Amino acid sequence: MLNGKHIILGITGSIAAYKAAMLCRLLVKEGAEVRVIMTPLAKQFITPLTMATLSKHPILVEFFNPENGEWNSHVSLGEWADMLLIAPATANTLAKMTTGIADNLLLTTYLSARSKVAVAPAMDLDMYAHITTQQNLKTLAQRGVAIIEPGAGELASGLVGKGRMAEPEEIIEQVKAIFAAEKPQSLTGKRYIVTAGATIEPIDPVRYITNHSTGKMGYAIAEELARRGAEVKLISGRTNLPVPQGVKRIDVVTAEDMYNASVREWTEADGGVMCAAVADYTPMYVADRKLKKSDDDLKIELRRTKDIAKELGENKGQRTLVGFALETDNEEANAEGKLQRKNLDFVVLNSLRDKGAGFAGDTNKITIIDSNGREEHPLMSKRDVAAVIVDKIEKVIR
């Protein structure tokens, strides 16, 4: 979503400026190109060297470089940016934005910006609640500035209340939502189910069989479908990931749980993406108490679990069904077999032999296989892979 976006990060003189370091790091990690403008007072709270290191660009503070007289053009900056994000935004800066005061480089850039503008206020609770600040925020919102609401909690003054700058992860999500709003909602009215994460098959009350899936790929797909307007139900096994914005999560534990939830939700779905790492086998018997260690070997008898993708494929009709294949050998042959056996529209193939693909990481390398052939894609972030997969879904349903 943010890959290739030009974002100006404005930092003002607030104790919350320390959060701007993590915010900058996350923006860069998402693929954005970040230029940082600091007000003179902001340098008292966080060093330009820190922000220059994280943004990979020199920091801008003054209207010109005092060493060589080079002008830092607020006009050019305003034209370059896809978004001006001021975080933290103090009461002072918000007031100046409202009245058009332009006494530093950040404010002149704001007045020159043709891009989206977002502010993340940060101040003490009385300042935030003051009628003047609230009126300024209302005025800016009416002019199209996105207000990223502060949180409540303990403040630098020692008081407890609303005024804490939103956490960097939350700001990132809201920035994505702002950009997503400009994209056509091509899947509005469509309903999808997505399975994600690992299932857990108990052996006894303590031990279980599982795999290394973190759910990152499935969660990214669910998020991308929701961004394009789809109603998404995410049937999730074990994971530590937050629920994507606009997605309803259904938590499951075992392969049987995931099968039951998938079959139930499939009745009202327009399509599904089977991304979960579902156990192929589960213990035949589950002990009701912990199995104690002994000198003998332990043998566990396993039985086959139900094949979710095959069950949905047999009842697919005109709906779209996508499967995943994570392979270690004979990759394409195995994926093509799955495509046919399970009546899928296409299969997304991963190979554990490809560096950067597979479980746990933030990147993936895929080959999409359908009845027309193969589409190989280079290593990219899982968010970008999700966009490629949803693009393919849109082509199928046209």
Protein backbone atom coordinates (compact mmCIF):
# COMPACT_ATOMS: atom_id res chain seq x y z
CA MET A 1 0.00 0.00 0.00
CA LEU A 2 2.80 2.48 0.82
CA ASN A 3 5.40 1.10 -1.58
CA GLY A 4 6.79 3.97 -3.65
CA LYS A 5 4.77 6.65 -1.84
CA HIS A 6 6.47 9.97 -1.15
CA ILE A 7 5.81 10.97 2.44
CA ILE A 8 7.01 14.06 4.27
CA LEU A 9 7.20 13.37 7.99
CA GLY A 10 6.88 16.61 9.95
CA ILE A 11 8.14 16.57 13.54
CA THR A 12 7.27 19.35 15.97
CA GLY A 13 8.48 20.22 19.47
CA SER A 14 6.75 17.61 21.61
CA ILE A 15 8.03 15.00 24.04
CA ALA A 16 6.26 12.51 21.74
CA ALA A 17 8.87 13.24 19.08
CA TYR A 18 10.72 10.11 20.21
CA LYS A 19 7.92 8.06 18.62
CA ALA A 20 8.72 9.65 15.26
CA ALA A 21 11.85 7.48 15.04
CA MET A 22 9.83 4.26 15.04
CA LEU A 23 7.20 5.82 12.78
CA CYS A 24 9.87 6.73 10.22
CA ARG A 25 11.36 3.26 10.41
CA LEU A 26 7.97 1.64 9.78
CA LEU A 27 7.22 3.94 6.83
CA VAL A 28 10.54 3.03 5.21
CA LYS A 29 9.94 -0.65 5.92
CA GLU A 30 6.60 -0.38 4.11
CA GLY A 31 8.45 0.88 1.04
CA ALA A 32 7.75 4.59 1.34
CA GLU A 33 10.34 7.24 0.53
CA VAL A 34 10.47 9.54 3.53
CA ARG A 35 11.77 13.09 3.85
CA VAL A 36 11.78 14.58 7.34
CA ILE A 37 11.14 18.23 8.18
CA MET A 38 11.74 19.22 11.80
CA THR A 39 10.78 22.46 13.48
CA PRO A 40 13.67 24.15 15.32
CA LEU A 41 12.20 23.16 18.69
CA ALA A 42 11.83 19.53 17.60
CA LYS A 43 15.64 19.24 17.63
CA GLN A 44 15.49 19.61 21.42
CA PHE A 45 13.56 16.33 21.66
CA ILE A 46 15.14 14.11 18.98
CA THR A 47 18.34 14.55 17.04
CA PRO A 48 18.44 15.21 13.29
CA LEU A 49 21.14 12.53 13.04
CA THR A 50 18.70 9.89 14.31
CA MET A 51 16.05 10.86 11.76
CA ALA A 52 18.58 11.18 8.93
CA THR A 53 19.83 7.67 9.64
CA LEU A 54 16.33 6.18 9.68
CA SER A 55 14.96 8.09 6.67
CA LYS A 56 18.19 7.73 4.65
CA HIS A 57 17.94 11.41 3.67
CA PRO A 58 19.26 14.67 5.10
CA ILE A 59 16.92 16.36 7.57
CA LEU A 60 15.39 19.70 6.68
CA VAL A 61 14.93 22.37 9.36
CA GLU A 62 15.80 25.80 7.95
CA PHE A 63 14.75 27.53 4.75
CA PHE A 64 18.30 27.30 3.44
CA ASN A 65 21.50 25.44 4.16
CA PRO A 66 23.65 27.88 6.19
CA GLU A 67 26.86 26.26 4.92
CA ASN A 68 26.30 26.82 1.19
CA GLY A 69 23.13 28.92 0.95
CA GLU A 70 21.22 26.18 -0.89
CA TRP A 71 17.48 26.83 -0.66
CA ASN A 72 15.18 24.17 0.75
CA SER A 73 12.20 24.80 -1.48
CA HIS A 74 8.91 24.33 0.34
CA VAL A 75 7.20 24.60 -3.05
CA SER A 76 9.16 21.68 -4.50
CA LEU A 77 8.60 19.66 -1.33
CA GLY A 78 4.86 20.29 -1.53
CA GLU A 79 4.81 19.09 -5.13
CA TRP A 80 6.94 16.02 -4.38
CA ALA A 81 4.85 14.63 -1.55
CA ASP A 82 1.97 12.17 -1.77
CA MET A 83 1.29 12.91 1.89
CA LEU A 84 2.39 15.38 4.54
CA LEU A 85 2.21 13.59 7.88
CA ILE A 86 2.84 15.73 10.96
CA ALA A 87 3.49 13.47 13.94
CA PRO A 88 3.64 14.67 16.61
CA ALA A 89 1.55 17.78 15.96
CA THR A 90 1.58 20.23 18.87
CA ALA A 91 -1.23 22.62 19.81
CA ASN A 92 1.01 25.44 18.59
CA THR A 93 1.50 23.93 15.14
CA LEU A 94 -2.20 23.06 14.79
CA ALA A 95 -3.11 26.67 15.60
CA LYS A 96 -0.65 28.01 13.05
CA MET A 97 -1.95 25.63 10.39
CA THR A 98 -5.47 26.86 11.04
CA THR A 99 -4.59 30.55 10.76
CA GLY A 100 -2.04 30.27 7.98
CA ILE A 101 1.01 31.37 9.94
CA ALA A 102 4.15 30.29 8.07
CA ASP A 103 7.13 30.96 10.30
CA ASN A 104 9.08 27.75 9.68
CA LEU A 105 9.82 25.36 6.83
CA LEU A 106 7.24 22.80 7.94
CA LEU A 107 4.40 25.31 7.94
CA THR A 108 5.35 26.83 4.58
CA THR A 109 5.47 23.31 3.15
CA TYR A 110 1.99 22.67 4.56
CA LEU A 111 0.66 25.76 2.79
CA SER A 112 2.33 24.63 -0.44
CA ALA A 113 1.28 20.98 -0.25
CA ARG A 114 -0.99 19.64 -2.97
CA SER A 115 -1.05 16.24 -1.30
CA LYS A 116 -3.03 14.62 1.46
CA VAL A 117 -2.29 16.00 4.91
CA ALA A 118 -2.61 14.10 8.19
CA VAL A 119 -1.80 15.17 11.73
CA ALA A 120 -1.29 13.12 14.88
CA PRO A 121 -1.87 15.52 17.81
CA ALA A 122 0.22 15.19 20.96
CA MET A 123 -0.20 17.40 24.03
CA ASP A 124 -1.36 17.43 27.63
CA LEU A 125 -5.01 16.63 28.29
CA ASP A 126 -6.07 20.20 29.20
CA MET A 127 -4.45 21.59 26.07
CA TYR A 128 -6.11 18.94 23.93
CA ALA A 129 -9.52 19.46 25.54
CA HIS A 130 -9.31 23.28 25.32
CA ILE A 131 -12.01 24.80 23.16
CA THR A 132 -9.41 26.54 20.99
CA THR A 133 -7.58 23.30 20.15
CA GLN A 134 -10.82 21.46 19.50
CA GLN A 135 -12.04 24.24 17.22
CA ASN A 136 -8.72 24.21 15.35
CA LEU A 137 -8.96 20.44 14.84
CA LYS A 138 -12.53 20.81 13.61
CA THR A 139 -11.51 23.53 11.16
CA LEU A 140 -8.60 21.49 9.81
CA ALA A 141 -10.83 18.42 9.39
CA GLN A 142 -13.33 20.53 7.44
CA ARG A 143 -10.47 21.57 5.15
CA GLY A 144 -9.62 17.94 4.44
CA VAL A 145 -6.84 17.32 6.93
CA ALA A 146 -7.02 13.80 8.38
CA ILE A 147 -6.93 13.83 12.18
CA ILE A 148 -5.31 10.75 13.74
CA GLU A 149 -6.90 10.75 17.17
CA PRO A 150 -4.61 10.69 20.19
CA GLY A 151 -4.93 7.97 22.77
CA ALA A 152 -5.63 8.16 26.48
CA GLY A 153 -3.18 7.23 29.19
CA GLU A 154 -0.43 8.60 31.38
CA LEU A 155 1.02 11.82 29.98
CA ALA A 156 4.43 13.42 30.40
CA SER A 157 2.95 15.80 32.99
CA GLY A 158 1.99 12.85 35.17
CA LEU A 159 -1.71 13.41 34.51
CA VAL A 160 -3.86 10.70 32.98
CA GLY A 161 -6.17 11.43 30.08
CA LYS A 162 -6.44 11.95 26.32
CA GLY A 163 -3.53 13.54 24.51
CA ARG A 164 -0.94 10.81 23.88
CA MET A 165 0.12 10.64 20.26
CA ALA A 166 -1.21 7.50 18.60
CA GLU A 167 1.28 4.64 18.52
CA PRO A 168 3.38 4.36 15.33
CA GLU A 169 1.74 1.08 14.27
CA GLU A 170 -1.71 2.66 14.54
CA ILE A 171 -0.59 5.71 12.55
CA ILE A 172 0.74 3.43 9.80
CA GLU A 173 -2.62 1.67 9.54
CA GLN A 174 -4.48 4.98 9.32
CA VAL A 175 -2.09 6.27 6.68
CA LYS A 176 -2.77 3.14 4.65
CA ALA A 177 -6.50 3.65 5.08
CA ILE A 178 -6.19 7.21 3.77
CA PHE A 179 -4.43 6.01 0.64
CA ALA A 180 -6.83 3.08 0.27
CA ALA A 181 -9.80 5.44 0.25
CA GLU A 182 -8.64 6.86 -3.06
CA LYS A 183 -8.60 3.43 -4.72
CA PRO A 184 -11.77 2.19 -6.40
CA GLN A 185 -13.59 -0.34 -4.24
CA SER A 186 -13.56 -2.97 -6.96
CA LEU A 187 -14.82 -5.81 -4.72
CA THR A 188 -17.64 -3.99 -2.98
CA GLY A 189 -20.54 -6.39 -2.41
CA LYS A 190 -18.35 -9.49 -2.65
CA ARG A 191 -17.91 -11.85 0.30
CA TYR A 192 -14.76 -13.90 0.82
CA ILE A 193 -13.44 -16.33 3.34
CA VAL A 194 -9.70 -16.60 3.98
CA THR A 195 -8.05 -19.29 6.07
CA ALA A 196 -4.76 -18.44 7.76
CA GLY A 197 -2.31 -19.57 10.40
CA ALA A 198 -1.47 -22.96 11.84
CA THR A 199 -3.82 -25.54 13.29
CA ILE A 200 -3.03 -27.35 16.54
CA GLU A 201 -3.70 -31.08 16.94
CA PRO A 202 -3.61 -32.16 20.62
CA ILE A 203 -1.80 -35.27 21.78
CA ASP A 204 -2.64 -34.80 25.44
CA PRO A 205 -3.54 -31.75 27.59
CA VAL A 206 0.07 -30.50 27.31
CA ARG A 207 1.47 -31.51 23.92
CA TYR A 208 0.32 -31.01 20.36
CA ILE A 209 1.29 -31.27 16.68
CA THR A 210 1.55 -28.07 14.67
CA ASN A 211 3.75 -26.28 12.09
CA HIS A 212 5.72 -23.06 11.62
CA SER A 213 3.01 -20.91 10.00
CA THR A 214 2.60 -17.39 11.45
CA GLY A 215 -0.43 -16.44 9.37
CA LYS A 216 1.25 -13.38 7.81
CA MET A 217 0.40 -14.28 4.23
CA GLY A 218 -3.25 -15.06 4.90
CA TYR A 219 -3.69 -11.94 7.01
CA ALA A 220 -2.17 -9.80 4.25
CA ILE A 221 -4.61 -11.31 1.72
CA ALA A 222 -7.58 -10.70 4.01
CA GLU A 223 -6.45 -7.11 4.51
CA GLU A 224 -6.06 -6.53 0.76
CA LEU A 225 -9.52 -7.97 -0.01
CA ALA A 226 -11.05 -5.70 2.63
CA ARG A 227 -9.21 -2.66 1.23
CA ARG A 228 -10.92 -3.27 -2.09
CA GLY A 229 -14.33 -3.30 -0.48
CA ALA A 230 -14.95 -7.01 0.08
CA GLU A 231 -16.63 -8.39 3.18
CA VAL A 232 -14.00 -10.74 4.59
CA LYS A 233 -14.23 -13.48 7.16
CA LEU A 234 -10.79 -14.59 8.29
CA ILE A 235 -10.80 -18.12 9.69
CA SER A 236 -7.64 -18.08 11.74
CA GLY A 237 -5.60 -20.71 13.47
CA ARG A 238 -2.88 -19.89 15.96
CA THR A 239 -1.21 -16.52 15.33
CA ASN A 240 -0.08 -13.42 17.20
CA LEU A 241 -1.21 -11.00 14.49
CA PRO A 242 -3.80 -8.24 15.03
CA VAL A 243 -7.08 -8.43 13.13
CA PRO A 244 -6.80 -6.41 9.89
CA GLN A 245 -9.02 -3.36 9.65
CA GLY A 246 -12.46 -4.14 8.26
CA VAL A 247 -12.06 -7.92 8.63
CA LYS A 248 -14.09 -10.27 10.84
CA ARG A 249 -11.92 -12.97 12.42
CA ILE A 250 -13.20 -16.40 13.39
CA ASP A 251 -10.74 -18.14 15.73
CA VAL A 252 -10.24 -21.89 15.45
CA VAL A 253 -7.77 -24.35 16.92
CA THR A 254 -7.80 -27.73 15.21
CA ALA A 255 -8.10 -28.84 11.59
CA GLU A 256 -11.60 -30.09 12.43
CA ASP A 257 -12.52 -26.64 13.76
CA MET A 258 -11.21 -24.98 10.61
CA TYR A 259 -13.06 -27.45 8.40
CA ASN A 260 -16.36 -26.82 10.17
CA ALA A 261 -15.98 -23.04 10.10
CA SER A 262 -14.94 -23.02 6.44
CA VAL A 263 -17.82 -25.22 5.28
CA ARG A 264 -20.28 -23.13 7.30
CA GLU A 265 -19.05 -19.76 5.98
CA TRP A 266 -18.68 -21.05 2.40
CA THR A 267 -22.45 -21.24 2.02
CA GLU A 268 -22.70 -17.43 1.86
CA ALA A 269 -19.33 -16.63 0.24
CA ASP A 270 -18.51 -15.53 -3.29
CA GLY A 271 -15.01 -16.92 -3.04
CA GLY A 272 -12.29 -18.23 -0.80
CA VAL A 273 -8.53 -18.24 -0.36
CA MET A 274 -7.18 -21.32 1.41
CA CYS A 275 -3.92 -20.02 2.86
CA ALA A 276 -3.85 -21.75 6.26
CA ALA A 277 -1.29 -24.43 7.09
CA VAL A 278 -3.78 -27.12 8.06
CA ALA A 279 -2.53 -30.34 9.62
CA ASP A 280 -2.89 -33.29 7.24
CA TYR A 281 -2.97 -35.73 10.15
CA THR A 282 -4.23 -35.66 13.72
CA PRO A 283 -3.79 -38.13 16.59
CA MET A 284 -6.27 -40.98 16.52
CA TYR A 285 -6.68 -40.73 20.29
CA VAL A 286 -6.13 -37.76 22.61
CA ALA A 287 -5.04 -38.66 26.13
CA ASP A 288 -7.09 -37.06 28.90
CA ARG A 289 -3.98 -36.60 31.05
CA LYS A 290 -0.33 -35.86 30.39
CA LEU A 291 1.57 -38.79 28.90
CA LYS A 292 4.43 -39.56 31.21
CA LYS A 293 7.96 -40.17 29.99
CA SER A 294 9.23 -43.74 30.22
CA ASP A 295 12.14 -45.82 28.94
CA ASP A 296 10.03 -47.12 26.06
CA ASP A 297 9.44 -45.43 22.71
CA LEU A 298 6.14 -43.64 22.27
CA LYS A 299 4.05 -44.45 19.23
CA ILE A 300 1.25 -42.08 18.20
CA GLU A 301 -1.29 -43.35 15.69
CA LEU A 302 -2.48 -40.66 13.29
CA ARG A 303 -5.53 -40.37 11.08
CA ARG A 304 -6.15 -38.21 8.02
CA THR A 305 -7.89 -34.86 8.55
CA LYS A 306 -10.64 -33.62 6.26
CA ASP A 307 -9.49 -31.79 3.13
CA ILE A 308 -11.03 -28.32 3.35
CA ALA A 309 -10.09 -27.08 -0.12
CA LYS A 310 -11.34 -30.26 -1.78
CA GLU A 311 -14.66 -30.07 0.08
CA LEU A 312 -15.19 -26.45 -0.96
CA GLY A 313 -14.07 -27.20 -4.53
CA GLU A 314 -16.66 -29.94 -4.89
CA ASN A 315 -19.33 -27.40 -3.99
CA LYS A 316 -17.82 -24.42 -5.78
CA GLY A 317 -20.28 -23.70 -8.55
CA GLN A 318 -19.44 -20.32 -10.14
CA ARG A 319 -17.46 -19.12 -7.14
CA THR A 320 -13.72 -18.43 -7.03
CA LEU A 321 -11.46 -20.71 -5.02
CA VAL A 322 -7.73 -20.21 -4.53
CA GLY A 323 -5.34 -22.70 -2.97
CA PHE A 324 -1.75 -22.61 -1.73
CA ALA A 325 0.99 -25.16 -2.21
CA LEU A 326 4.13 -25.05 -0.08
CA GLU A 327 6.54 -27.57 -1.52
CA THR A 328 10.11 -28.81 -1.06
CA ASP A 329 10.42 -30.91 -4.23
CA ASN A 330 8.55 -31.56 -7.50
CA GLU A 331 6.98 -28.18 -6.80
CA GLU A 332 5.13 -27.47 -10.03
CA ALA A 333 3.91 -31.03 -10.53
CA ASN A 334 2.51 -31.15 -7.00
CA ALA A 335 0.84 -27.74 -7.40
CA GLU A 336 -0.72 -28.72 -10.73
CA GLY A 337 -2.06 -31.89 -9.14
CA LYS A 338 -3.68 -29.87 -6.38
CA LEU A 339 -5.21 -27.52 -8.97
CA GLN A 340 -7.00 -30.41 -10.65
CA ARG A 341 -7.91 -32.54 -7.63
CA LYS A 342 -9.46 -29.70 -5.68
CA ASN A 343 -11.18 -27.84 -8.53
CA LEU A 344 -9.29 -24.61 -7.84
CA ASP A 345 -9.21 -21.55 -10.07
CA PHE A 346 -5.51 -21.13 -9.39
CA VAL A 347 -2.80 -22.27 -7.01
CA VAL A 348 -0.19 -20.06 -5.37
CA LEU A 349 3.04 -22.03 -5.22
CA ASN A 350 5.81 -21.42 -2.66
CA SER A 351 9.03 -23.38 -2.55
CA LEU A 352 11.03 -23.67 0.63
CA ARG A 353 14.08 -23.86 -1.61
CA ASP A 354 13.60 -20.17 -2.51
CA LYS A 355 15.39 -17.89 -0.07
CA GLY A 356 12.97 -15.45 1.58
CA ALA A 357 9.85 -17.53 0.84
CA GLY A 358 7.71 -19.64 3.14
CA PHE A 359 6.96 -19.36 6.83
CA ALA A 360 7.58 -16.55 9.33
CA GLY A 361 9.28 -13.94 7.12
CA ASP A 362 7.87 -10.70 5.73
CA THR A 363 8.66 -11.63 2.12
CA ASN A 364 7.52 -14.29 -0.29
CA LYS A 365 8.28 -15.54 -3.78
CA ILE A 366 5.38 -17.12 -5.63
CA THR A 367 4.37 -18.77 -8.86
CA ILE A 368 0.68 -18.61 -9.77
CA ILE A 369 -0.48 -21.70 -11.65
CA ASP A 370 -3.82 -22.05 -13.43
CA SER A 371 -5.17 -23.90 -16.44
CA ASN A 372 -3.51 -21.38 -18.77
CA GLY A 373 0.00 -21.77 -17.42
CA ARG A 374 2.33 -20.17 -14.90
CA GLU A 375 3.05 -16.64 -13.71
CA GLU A 376 6.33 -16.30 -11.85
CA HIS A 377 6.80 -13.35 -9.52
CA PRO A 378 10.01 -12.12 -7.89
CA LEU A 379 10.69 -11.93 -4.17
CA MET A 380 8.59 -9.15 -2.64
CA SER A 381 6.86 -8.23 0.60
CA LYS A 382 3.89 -10.34 1.60
CA ARG A 383 1.69 -7.25 1.35
CA ASP A 384 2.73 -6.85 -2.28
CA VAL A 385 2.22 -10.58 -2.88
CA ALA A 386 -1.29 -10.21 -1.46
CA ALA A 387 -1.99 -7.43 -3.96
CA VAL A 388 -0.80 -9.67 -6.82
CA ILE A 389 -3.07 -12.50 -5.65
CA VAL A 390 -6.12 -10.26 -5.32
CA ASP A 391 -5.40 -8.76 -8.75
CA LYS A 392 -5.52 -12.32 -10.08
CA ILE A 393 -8.82 -12.97 -8.30
CA GLU A 394 -10.28 -9.87 -9.95
CA LYS A 395 -9.21 -11.14 -13.37
CA VAL A 396 -10.88 -14.49 -12.70
CA ILE A 397 -14.23 -12.98 -11.74
CA ARG A 398 -14.41 -10.54 -14.66
